Amino acid sequence: MDRNERVAEMEAILNKHTDAVKAFKKALATFDEAQIAYDKLDAYYSSKDWFDDVDAYDKGEITVDCGVLTEDAVYDLIGDNYEMAKEMIRVANDIFQKH
């Protein structure tokens, strides 16, 4: 590989990673902000209110969209959220180990 090819390759990496960092910063800010509402959902899922709402749904008293009252939807989100946190730690650790 000659110098021009090497510099062109490094320039492409710089540009691609710069774009990736910008996109991740934006996504991370959105995710961090969403965590506040997520914490409220997580607390609701194991509360008496949730069980009462499930009972009300079973009786036909709830007429709005209520995927939140299924066990799988919130449970799966809790697992996905946890796995996302682990993945962020793994990626961050990889970066810290190199620098």
PDB file of N, CA and C in Angstrom:
ATOM      1  N   MET A   1       0.859  -1.177   0.000  1.00  0.00           N
ATOM      2  CA  MET A   1       0.000   0.000   0.000  1.00  0.00           C
ATOM      3  C   MET A   1       0.904   1.238   0.000  1.00  0.00           C
ATOM      4  N   ASP A   2       0.671   2.142  -0.928  1.00  0.00           N
ATOM      5  CA  ASP A   2       1.496   3.350  -0.954  1.00  0.00           C
ATOM      6  C   ASP A   2       0.932   4.401  -0.009  1.00  0.00           C
ATOM      7  N   ARG A   3       1.652   5.489   0.148  1.00  0.00           N
ATOM      8  CA  ARG A   3       1.264   6.537   1.102  1.00  0.00           C
ATOM      9  C   ARG A   3      -0.107   7.120   0.805  1.00  0.00           C
ATOM     10  N   ASN A   4      -0.375   7.379  -0.444  1.00  0.00           N
ATOM     11  CA  ASN A   4      -1.669   7.965  -0.792  1.00  0.00           C
ATOM     12  C   ASN A   4      -2.810   7.027  -0.432  1.00  0.00           C
ATOM     13  N   GLU A   5      -2.637   5.752  -0.690  1.00  0.00           N
ATOM     14  CA  GLU A   5      -3.669   4.769  -0.333  1.00  0.00           C
ATOM     15  C   GLU A   5      -3.837   4.698   1.177  1.00  0.00           C
ATOM     16  N   ARG A   6      -2.706   4.702   1.906  1.00  0.00           N
ATOM     17  CA  ARG A   6      -2.764   4.623   3.369  1.00  0.00           C
ATOM     18  C   ARG A   6      -3.464   5.852   3.941  1.00  0.00           C
ATOM     19  N   VAL A   7      -3.067   7.036   3.468  1.00  0.00           N
ATOM     20  CA  VAL A   7      -3.681   8.268   3.970  1.00  0.00           C
ATOM     21  C   VAL A   7      -5.166   8.308   3.616  1.00  0.00           C
ATOM     22  N   ALA A   8      -5.517   7.897   2.418  1.00  0.00           N
ATOM     23  CA  ALA A   8      -6.922   7.864   2.008  1.00  0.00           C
ATOM     24  C   ALA A   8      -7.711   6.900   2.891  1.00  0.00           C
ATOM     25  N   GLU A   9      -7.117   5.742   3.190  1.00  0.00           N
ATOM     26  CA  GLU A   9      -7.800   4.775   4.067  1.00  0.00           C
ATOM     27  C   GLU A   9      -7.991   5.350   5.463  1.00  0.00           C
ATOM     28  N   MET A  10      -6.959   5.997   6.017  1.00  0.00           N
ATOM     29  CA  MET A  10      -7.059   6.579   7.357  1.00  0.00           C
ATOM     30  C   MET A  10      -8.055   7.738   7.381  1.00  0.00           C
ATOM     31  N   GLU A  11      -8.098   8.515   6.305  1.00  0.00           N
ATOM     32  CA  GLU A  11      -9.069   9.604   6.192  1.00  0.00           C
ATOM     33  C   GLU A  11     -10.492   9.054   6.210  1.00  0.00           C
ATOM     34  N   ALA A  12     -10.717   7.959   5.496  1.00  0.00           N
ATOM     35  CA  ALA A  12     -12.039   7.335   5.471  1.00  0.00           C
ATOM     36  C   ALA A  12     -12.424   6.821   6.855  1.00  0.00           C
ATOM     37  N   ILE A  13     -11.468   6.221   7.562  1.00  0.00           N
ATOM     38  CA  ILE A  13     -11.732   5.739   8.924  1.00  0.00           C
ATOM     39  C   ILE A  13     -12.062   6.910   9.839  1.00  0.00           C
ATOM     40  N   LEU A  14     -11.277   7.989   9.736  1.00  0.00           N
ATOM     41  CA  LEU A  14     -11.531   9.182  10.547  1.00  0.00           C
ATOM     42  C   LEU A  14     -12.941   9.707  10.308  1.00  0.00           C
ATOM     43  N   ASN A  15     -13.316   9.843   9.068  1.00  0.00           N
ATOM     44  CA  ASN A  15     -14.634  10.387   8.743  1.00  0.00           C
ATOM     45  C   ASN A  15     -15.755   9.465   9.203  1.00  0.00           C
ATOM     46  N   LYS A  16     -15.598   8.172   8.974  1.00  0.00           N
ATOM     47  CA  LYS A  16     -16.635   7.215   9.370  1.00  0.00           C
ATOM     48  C   LYS A  16     -16.791   7.179  10.886  1.00  0.00           C
ATOM     49  N   HIS A  17     -15.672   7.174  11.611  1.00  0.00           N
ATOM     50  CA  HIS A  17     -15.766   7.090  13.067  1.00  0.00           C
ATOM     51  C   HIS A  17     -16.269   8.411  13.662  1.00  0.00           C
ATOM     52  N   THR A  18     -15.899   9.528  13.060  1.00  0.00           N
ATOM     53  CA  THR A  18     -16.420  10.815  13.507  1.00  0.00           C
ATOM     54  C   THR A  18     -17.944  10.828  13.399  1.00  0.00           C
ATOM     55  N   ASP A  19     -18.454  10.345  12.274  1.00  0.00           N
ATOM     56  CA  ASP A  19     -19.912  10.255  12.095  1.00  0.00           C
ATOM     57  C   ASP A  19     -20.531   9.302  13.115  1.00  0.00           C
ATOM     58  N   ALA A  20     -19.857   8.173  13.380  1.00  0.00           N
ATOM     59  CA  ALA A  20     -20.373   7.195  14.344  1.00  0.00           C
ATOM     60  C   ALA A  20     -20.417   7.783  15.748  1.00  0.00           C
ATOM     61  N   VAL A  21     -19.390   8.527  16.132  1.00  0.00           N
ATOM     62  CA  VAL A  21     -19.370   9.156  17.458  1.00  0.00           C
ATOM     63  C   VAL A  21     -20.502  10.169  17.585  1.00  0.00           C
ATOM     64  N   LYS A  22     -20.694  10.990  16.558  1.00  0.00           N
ATOM     65  CA  LYS A  22     -21.785  11.970  16.597  1.00  0.00           C
ATOM     66  C   LYS A  22     -23.147  11.280  16.717  1.00  0.00           C
ATOM     67  N   ALA A  23     -23.356  10.230  15.945  1.00  0.00           N
ATOM     68  CA  ALA A  23     -24.632   9.509  15.978  1.00  0.00           C
ATOM     69  C   ALA A  23     -24.837   8.842  17.342  1.00  0.00           C
ATOM     70  N   PHE A  24     -23.761   8.261  17.886  1.00  0.00           N
ATOM     71  CA  PHE A  24     -23.881   7.592  19.183  1.00  0.00           C
ATOM     72  C   PHE A  24     -24.142   8.590  20.299  1.00  0.00           C
ATOM     73  N   LYS A  25     -23.493   9.745  20.263  1.00  0.00           N
ATOM     74  CA  LYS A  25     -23.750  10.774  21.276  1.00  0.00           C
ATOM     75  C   LYS A  25     -25.224  11.152  21.286  1.00  0.00           C
ATOM     76  N   LYS A  26     -25.769  11.330  20.092  1.00  0.00           N
ATOM     77  CA  LYS A  26     -27.190  11.694  19.991  1.00  0.00           C
ATOM     78  C   LYS A  26     -28.070  10.560  20.511  1.00  0.00           C
ATOM     79  N   ALA A  27     -27.779   9.335  20.090  1.00  0.00           N
ATOM     80  CA  ALA A  27     -28.564   8.176  20.538  1.00  0.00           C
ATOM     81  C   ALA A  27     -28.429   7.971  22.043  1.00  0.00           C
ATOM     82  N   LEU A  28     -27.226   8.161  22.566  1.00  0.00           N
ATOM     83  CA  LEU A  28     -27.008   7.976  24.000  1.00  0.00           C
ATOM     84  C   LEU A  28     -27.772   9.030  24.797  1.00  0.00           C
ATOM     85  N   ALA A  29     -27.800  10.259  24.324  1.00  0.00           N
ATOM     86  CA  ALA A  29     -28.558  11.304  25.012  1.00  0.00           C
ATOM     87  C   ALA A  29     -30.049  10.966  25.021  1.00  0.00           C
ATOM     88  N   THR A  30     -30.557  10.473  23.896  1.00  0.00           N
ATOM     89  CA  THR A  30     -31.963  10.065  23.808  1.00  0.00           C
ATOM     90  C   THR A  30     -32.238   8.904  24.758  1.00  0.00           C
ATOM     91  N   PHE A  31     -31.337   7.907  24.771  1.00  0.00           N
ATOM     92  CA  PHE A  31     -31.483   6.747  25.632  1.00  0.00           C
ATOM     93  C   PHE A  31     -31.426   7.156  27.103  1.00  0.00           C
ATOM     94  N   ASP A  32     -30.497   8.026  27.450  1.00  0.00           N
ATOM     95  CA  ASP A  32     -30.355   8.475  28.830  1.00  0.00           C
ATOM     96  C   ASP A  32     -31.612   9.198  29.291  1.00  0.00           C
ATOM     97  N   GLU A  33     -32.151  10.054  28.437  1.00  0.00           N
ATOM     98  CA  GLU A  33     -33.380  10.765  28.777  1.00  0.00           C
ATOM     99  C   GLU A  33     -34.549   9.788  28.932  1.00  0.00           C
ATOM    100  N   ALA A  34     -34.605   8.781  28.082  1.00  0.00           N
ATOM    101  CA  ALA A  34     -35.687   7.791  28.143  1.00  0.00           C
ATOM    102  C   ALA A  34     -35.610   6.945  29.408  1.00  0.00           C
ATOM    103  N   GLN A  35     -34.433   6.838  30.008  1.00  0.00           N
ATOM    104  CA  GLN A  35     -34.273   6.032  31.225  1.00  0.00           C
ATOM    105  C   GLN A  35     -35.143   6.537  32.364  1.00  0.00           C
ATOM    106  N   ILE A  36     -35.381   7.822  32.410  1.00  0.00           N
ATOM    107  CA  ILE A  36     -36.218   8.394  33.478  1.00  0.00           C
ATOM    108  C   ILE A  36     -37.627   7.809  33.390  1.00  0.00           C
ATOM    109  N   ALA A  37     -38.199   7.813  32.192  1.00  0.00           N
ATOM    110  CA  ALA A  37     -39.529   7.231  32.003  1.00  0.00           C
ATOM    111  C   ALA A  37     -39.479   5.717  32.173  1.00  0.00           C
ATOM    112  N   TYR A  38     -38.401   5.098  31.695  1.00  0.00           N
ATOM    113  CA  TYR A  38     -38.250   3.648  31.830  1.00  0.00           C
ATOM    114  C   TYR A  38     -38.284   3.242  33.309  1.00  0.00           C
ATOM    115  N   ASP A  39     -37.610   3.995  34.156  1.00  0.00           N
ATOM    116  CA  ASP A  39     -37.604   3.674  35.593  1.00  0.00           C
ATOM    117  C   ASP A  39     -39.019   3.687  36.160  1.00  0.00           C
ATOM    118  N   LYS A  40     -39.827   4.612  35.687  1.00  0.00           N
ATOM    119  CA  LYS A  40     -41.222   4.677  36.124  1.00  0.00           C
ATOM    120  C   LYS A  40     -41.982   3.426  35.657  1.00  0.00           C
ATOM    121  N   LEU A  41     -41.756   3.016  34.411  1.00  0.00           N
ATOM    122  CA  LEU A  41     -42.381   1.807  33.872  1.00  0.00           C
ATOM    123  C   LEU A  41     -41.928   0.573  34.650  1.00  0.00           C
ATOM    124  N   ASP A  42     -40.648   0.492  34.933  1.00  0.00           N
ATOM    125  CA  ASP A  42     -40.097  -0.650  35.669  1.00  0.00           C
ATOM    126  C   ASP A  42     -40.742  -0.763  37.048  1.00  0.00           C
ATOM    127  N   ALA A  43     -40.898   0.362  37.728  1.00  0.00           N
ATOM    128  CA  ALA A  43     -41.538   0.355  39.048  1.00  0.00           C
ATOM    129  C   ALA A  43     -43.011  -0.044  38.936  1.00  0.00           C
ATOM    130  N   TYR A  44     -43.688   0.435  37.910  1.00  0.00           N
ATOM    131  CA  TYR A  44     -45.101   0.109  37.697  1.00  0.00           C
ATOM    132  C   TYR A  44     -45.297  -1.380  37.465  1.00  0.00           C
ATOM    133  N   TYR A  45     -44.386  -1.986  36.693  1.00  0.00           N
ATOM    134  CA  TYR A  45     -44.525  -3.384  36.288  1.00  0.00           C
ATOM    135  C   TYR A  45     -44.604  -4.337  37.480  1.00  0.00           C
ATOM    136  N   SER A  46     -43.959  -3.996  38.560  1.00  0.00           N
ATOM    137  CA  SER A  46     -43.987  -4.899  39.730  1.00  0.00           C
ATOM    138  C   SER A  46     -44.867  -4.356  40.856  1.00  0.00           C
ATOM    139  N   SER A  47     -45.717  -3.404  40.529  1.00  0.00           N
ATOM    140  CA  SER A  47     -46.517  -2.760  41.577  1.00  0.00           C
ATOM    141  C   SER A  47     -47.921  -3.361  41.677  1.00  0.00           C
ATOM    142  N   LYS A  48     -48.588  -2.999  42.758  1.00  0.00           N
ATOM    143  CA  LYS A  48     -49.986  -3.386  42.945  1.00  0.00           C
ATOM    144  C   LYS A  48     -50.847  -2.771  41.845  1.00  0.00           C
ATOM    145  N   ASP A  49     -50.515  -1.553  41.429  1.00  0.00           N
ATOM    146  CA  ASP A  49     -51.275  -0.901  40.354  1.00  0.00           C
ATOM    147  C   ASP A  49     -51.276  -1.749  39.086  1.00  0.00           C
ATOM    148  N   TRP A  50     -50.136  -2.320  38.745  1.00  0.00           N
ATOM    149  CA  TRP A  50     -50.058  -3.127  37.527  1.00  0.00           C
ATOM    150  C   TRP A  50     -50.998  -4.327  37.640  1.00  0.00           C
ATOM    151  N   PHE A  51     -50.944  -5.018  38.765  1.00  0.00           N
ATOM    152  CA  PHE A  51     -51.809  -6.186  38.963  1.00  0.00           C
ATOM    153  C   PHE A  51     -53.293  -5.787  38.961  1.00  0.00           C
ATOM    154  N   ASP A  52     -53.594  -4.655  39.578  1.00  0.00           N
ATOM    155  CA  ASP A  52     -54.971  -4.156  39.565  1.00  0.00           C
ATOM    156  C   ASP A  52     -55.412  -3.816  38.143  1.00  0.00           C
ATOM    157  N   ASP A  53     -54.521  -3.228  37.371  1.00  0.00           N
ATOM    158  CA  ASP A  53     -54.841  -2.873  35.986  1.00  0.00           C
ATOM    159  C   ASP A  53     -55.040  -4.116  35.124  1.00  0.00           C
ATOM    160  N   VAL A  54     -54.256  -5.153  35.368  1.00  0.00           N
ATOM    161  CA  VAL A  54     -54.446  -6.415  34.640  1.00  0.00           C
ATOM    162  C   VAL A  54     -55.817  -6.987  34.945  1.00  0.00           C
ATOM    163  N   ASP A  55     -56.185  -6.966  36.214  1.00  0.00           N
ATOM    164  CA  ASP A  55     -57.516  -7.451  36.595  1.00  0.00           C
ATOM    165  C   ASP A  55     -58.615  -6.630  35.920  1.00  0.00           C
ATOM    166  N   ALA A  56     -58.435  -5.317  35.883  1.00  0.00           N
ATOM    167  CA  ALA A  56     -59.425  -4.443  35.242  1.00  0.00           C
ATOM    168  C   ALA A  56     -59.489  -4.735  33.747  1.00  0.00           C
ATOM    169  N   TYR A  57     -58.375  -4.996  33.132  1.00  0.00           N
ATOM    170  CA  TYR A  57     -58.354  -5.346  31.705  1.00  0.00           C
ATOM    171  C   TYR A  57     -59.120  -6.646  31.474  1.00  0.00           C
ATOM    172  N   ASP A  58     -58.844  -7.628  32.325  1.00  0.00           N
ATOM    173  CA  ASP A  58     -59.524  -8.921  32.192  1.00  0.00           C
ATOM    174  C   ASP A  58     -61.042  -8.785  32.323  1.00  0.00           C
ATOM    175  N   LYS A  59     -61.489  -7.786  33.047  1.00  0.00           N
ATOM    176  CA  LYS A  59     -62.921  -7.541  33.224  1.00  0.00           C
ATOM    177  C   LYS A  59     -63.488  -6.636  32.122  1.00  0.00           C
ATOM    178  N   GLY A  60     -62.636  -6.211  31.179  1.00  0.00           N
ATOM    179  CA  GLY A  60     -63.094  -5.357  30.094  1.00  0.00           C
ATOM    180  C   GLY A  60     -63.198  -3.893  30.457  1.00  0.00           C
ATOM    181  N   GLU A  61     -62.600  -3.497  31.564  1.00  0.00           N
ATOM    182  CA  GLU A  61     -62.708  -2.116  32.032  1.00  0.00           C
ATOM    183  C   GLU A  61     -61.678  -1.185  31.403  1.00  0.00           C
ATOM    184  N   ILE A  62     -60.681  -1.734  30.728  1.00  0.00           N
ATOM    185  CA  ILE A  62     -59.650  -0.912  30.096  1.00  0.00           C
ATOM    186  C   ILE A  62     -59.847  -0.983  28.592  1.00  0.00           C
ATOM    187  N   THR A  63     -59.972   0.204  27.992  1.00  0.00           N
ATOM    188  CA  THR A  63     -60.288   0.255  26.564  1.00  0.00           C
ATOM    189  C   THR A  63     -59.172   0.872  25.724  1.00  0.00           C
ATOM    190  N   VAL A  64     -58.065   1.253  26.340  1.00  0.00           N
ATOM    191  CA  VAL A  64     -56.933   1.842  25.618  1.00  0.00           C
ATOM    192  C   VAL A  64     -55.924   0.742  25.267  1.00  0.00           C
ATOM    193  N   ASP A  65     -54.993   1.051  24.358  1.00  0.00           N
ATOM    194  CA  ASP A  65     -53.914   0.106  24.062  1.00  0.00           C
ATOM    195  C   ASP A  65     -53.234  -0.269  25.362  1.00  0.00           C
ATOM    196  N   CYS A  66     -52.984  -1.551  25.535  1.00  0.00           N
ATOM    197  CA  CYS A  66     -52.457  -1.969  26.842  1.00  0.00           C
ATOM    198  C   CYS A  66     -51.445  -3.103  26.731  1.00  0.00           C
ATOM    199  N   GLY A  67     -50.535  -2.996  25.770  1.00  0.00           N
ATOM    200  CA  GLY A  67     -49.452  -3.965  25.685  1.00  0.00           C
ATOM    201  C   GLY A  67     -48.638  -4.018  26.966  1.00  0.00           C
ATOM    202  N   VAL A  68     -48.660  -2.918  27.698  1.00  0.00           N
ATOM    203  CA  VAL A  68     -47.938  -2.835  28.955  1.00  0.00           C
ATOM    204  C   VAL A  68     -48.493  -3.823  29.992  1.00  0.00           C
ATOM    205  N   LEU A  69     -49.712  -4.289  29.766  1.00  0.00           N
ATOM    206  CA  LEU A  69     -50.311  -5.224  30.716  1.00  0.00           C
ATOM    207  C   LEU A  69     -50.000  -6.680  30.378  1.00  0.00           C
ATOM    208  N   THR A  70     -49.338  -6.901  29.256  1.00  0.00           N
ATOM    209  CA  THR A  70     -48.877  -8.256  28.970  1.00  0.00           C
ATOM    210  C   THR A  70     -47.591  -8.470  29.751  1.00  0.00           C
ATOM    211  N   GLU A  71     -47.356  -9.674  30.168  1.00  0.00           N
ATOM    212  CA  GLU A  71     -46.131  -9.926  30.928  1.00  0.00           C
ATOM    213  C   GLU A  71     -44.892  -9.828  30.051  1.00  0.00           C
ATOM    214  N   ASP A  72     -44.981 -10.271  28.812  1.00  0.00           N
ATOM    215  CA  ASP A  72     -43.796 -10.358  27.967  1.00  0.00           C
ATOM    216  C   ASP A  72     -43.257  -9.014  27.504  1.00  0.00           C
ATOM    217  N   ALA A  73     -44.103  -8.067  27.162  1.00  0.00           N
ATOM    218  CA  ALA A  73     -43.642  -6.804  26.583  1.00  0.00           C
ATOM    219  C   ALA A  73     -42.700  -6.064  27.535  1.00  0.00           C
ATOM    220  N   VAL A  74     -43.117  -5.854  28.754  1.00  0.00           N
ATOM    221  CA  VAL A  74     -42.285  -5.122  29.713  1.00  0.00           C
ATOM    222  C   VAL A  74     -41.099  -5.981  30.147  1.00  0.00           C
ATOM    223  N   TYR A  75     -41.331  -7.253  30.388  1.00  0.00           N
ATOM    224  CA  TYR A  75     -40.248  -8.155  30.789  1.00  0.00           C
ATOM    225  C   TYR A  75     -39.143  -8.169  29.733  1.00  0.00           C
ATOM    226  N   ASP A  76     -39.536  -8.261  28.469  1.00  0.00           N
ATOM    227  CA  ASP A  76     -38.542  -8.267  27.391  1.00  0.00           C
ATOM    228  C   ASP A  76     -37.789  -6.941  27.332  1.00  0.00           C
ATOM    229  N   LEU A  77     -38.498  -5.840  27.536  1.00  0.00           N
ATOM    230  CA  LEU A  77     -37.839  -4.541  27.537  1.00  0.00           C
ATOM    231  C   LEU A  77     -36.841  -4.430  28.688  1.00  0.00           C
ATOM    232  N   ILE A  78     -37.193  -4.930  29.849  1.00  0.00           N
ATOM    233  CA  ILE A  78     -36.276  -4.906  30.989  1.00  0.00           C
ATOM    234  C   ILE A  78     -35.006  -5.685  30.642  1.00  0.00           C
ATOM    235  N   GLY A  79     -35.177  -6.845  30.043  1.00  0.00           N
ATOM    236  CA  GLY A  79     -34.012  -7.635  29.634  1.00  0.00           C
ATOM    237  C   GLY A  79     -33.185  -6.933  28.577  1.00  0.00           C
ATOM    238  N   ASP A  80     -33.841  -6.340  27.583  1.00  0.00           N
ATOM    239  CA  ASP A  80     -33.125  -5.613  26.531  1.00  0.00           C
ATOM    240  C   ASP A  80     -32.371  -4.413  27.101  1.00  0.00           C
ATOM    241  N   ASN A  81     -32.995  -3.715  28.021  1.00  0.00           N
ATOM    242  CA  ASN A  81     -32.361  -2.556  28.648  1.00  0.00           C
ATOM    243  C   ASN A  81     -31.102  -2.983  29.411  1.00  0.00           C
ATOM    244  N   TYR A  82     -31.221  -4.081  30.140  1.00  0.00           N
ATOM    245  CA  TYR A  82     -30.091  -4.614  30.906  1.00  0.00           C
ATOM    246  C   TYR A  82     -28.958  -5.046  29.969  1.00  0.00           C
ATOM    247  N   GLU A  83     -29.304  -5.753  28.906  1.00  0.00           N
ATOM    248  CA  GLU A  83     -28.286  -6.203  27.954  1.00  0.00           C
ATOM    249  C   GLU A  83     -27.624  -5.011  27.259  1.00  0.00           C
ATOM    250  N   MET A  84     -28.388  -3.961  26.977  1.00  0.00           N
ATOM    251  CA  MET A  84     -27.827  -2.754  26.376  1.00  0.00           C
ATOM    252  C   MET A  84     -26.806  -2.125  27.316  1.00  0.00           C
ATOM    253  N   ALA A  85     -27.123  -2.069  28.585  1.00  0.00           N
ATOM    254  CA  ALA A  85     -26.191  -1.512  29.566  1.00  0.00           C
ATOM    255  C   ALA A  85     -24.908  -2.332  29.617  1.00  0.00           C
ATOM    256  N   LYS A  86     -25.041  -3.653  29.598  1.00  0.00           N
ATOM    257  CA  LYS A  86     -23.848  -4.510  29.599  1.00  0.00           C
ATOM    258  C   LYS A  86     -23.005  -4.273  28.348  1.00  0.00           C
ATOM    259  N   GLU A  87     -23.652  -4.129  27.210  1.00  0.00           N
ATOM    260  CA  GLU A  87     -22.932  -3.902  25.962  1.00  0.00           C
ATOM    261  C   GLU A  87     -22.217  -2.549  25.979  1.00  0.00           C
ATOM    262  N   MET A  88     -22.849  -1.533  26.548  1.00  0.00           N
ATOM    263  CA  MET A  88     -22.187  -0.229  26.653  1.00  0.00           C
ATOM    264  C   MET A  88     -20.955  -0.329  27.542  1.00  0.00           C
ATOM    265  N   ILE A  89     -21.046  -1.095  28.622  1.00  0.00           N
ATOM    266  CA  ILE A  89     -19.887  -1.294  29.501  1.00  0.00           C
ATOM    267  C   ILE A  89     -18.781  -2.023  28.753  1.00  0.00           C
ATOM    268  N   ARG A  90     -19.138  -3.054  27.984  1.00  0.00           N
ATOM    269  CA  ARG A  90     -18.135  -3.810  27.237  1.00  0.00           C
ATOM    270  C   ARG A  90     -17.412  -2.919  26.236  1.00  0.00           C
ATOM    271  N   VAL A  91     -18.171  -2.138  25.484  1.00  0.00           N
ATOM    272  CA  VAL A  91     -17.566  -1.256  24.487  1.00  0.00           C
ATOM    273  C   VAL A  91     -16.687  -0.213  25.176  1.00  0.00           C
ATOM    274  N   ALA A  92     -17.201   0.387  26.252  1.00  0.00           N
ATOM    275  CA  ALA A  92     -16.417   1.382  26.985  1.00  0.00           C
ATOM    276  C   ALA A  92     -15.138   0.756  27.537  1.00  0.00           C
ATOM    277  N   ASN A  93     -15.241  -0.443  28.069  1.00  0.00           N
ATOM    278  CA  ASN A  93     -14.055  -1.111  28.613  1.00  0.00           C
ATOM    279  C   ASN A  93     -13.020  -1.366  27.515  1.00  0.00           C
ATOM    280  N   ASP A  94     -13.473  -1.799  26.347  1.00  0.00           N
ATOM    281  CA  ASP A  94     -12.554  -2.005  25.221  1.00  0.00           C
ATOM    282  C   ASP A  94     -11.819  -0.707  24.898  1.00  0.00           C
ATOM    283  N   ILE A  95     -12.536   0.395  24.873  1.00  0.00           N
ATOM    284  CA  ILE A  95     -11.914   1.686  24.573  1.00  0.00           C
ATOM    285  C   ILE A  95     -10.912   2.061  25.660  1.00  0.00           C
ATOM    286  N   PHE A  96     -11.318   1.922  26.925  1.00  0.00           N
ATOM    287  CA  PHE A  96     -10.417   2.266  28.030  1.00  0.00           C
ATOM    288  C   PHE A  96      -9.158   1.396  28.021  1.00  0.00           C
ATOM    289  N   GLN A  97      -9.277   0.142  27.689  1.00  0.00           N
ATOM    290  CA  GLN A  97      -8.134  -0.766  27.684  1.00  0.00           C
ATOM    291  C   GLN A  97      -7.105  -0.368  26.621  1.00  0.00           C
ATOM    292  N   LYS A  98      -7.568   0.279  25.553  1.00  0.00           N
ATOM    293  CA  LYS A  98      -6.670   0.657  24.462  1.00  0.00           C
ATOM    294  C   LYS A  98      -6.019   2.018  24.679  1.00  0.00           C
ATOM    295  N   HIS A  99      -6.547   2.801  25.612  1.00  0.00           N
ATOM    296  CA  HIS A  99      -6.025   4.170  25.790  1.00  0.00           C
ATOM    297  C   HIS A  99      -5.591   4.409  27.201  1.00  0.00           C
TER     298      HIS A  99
END
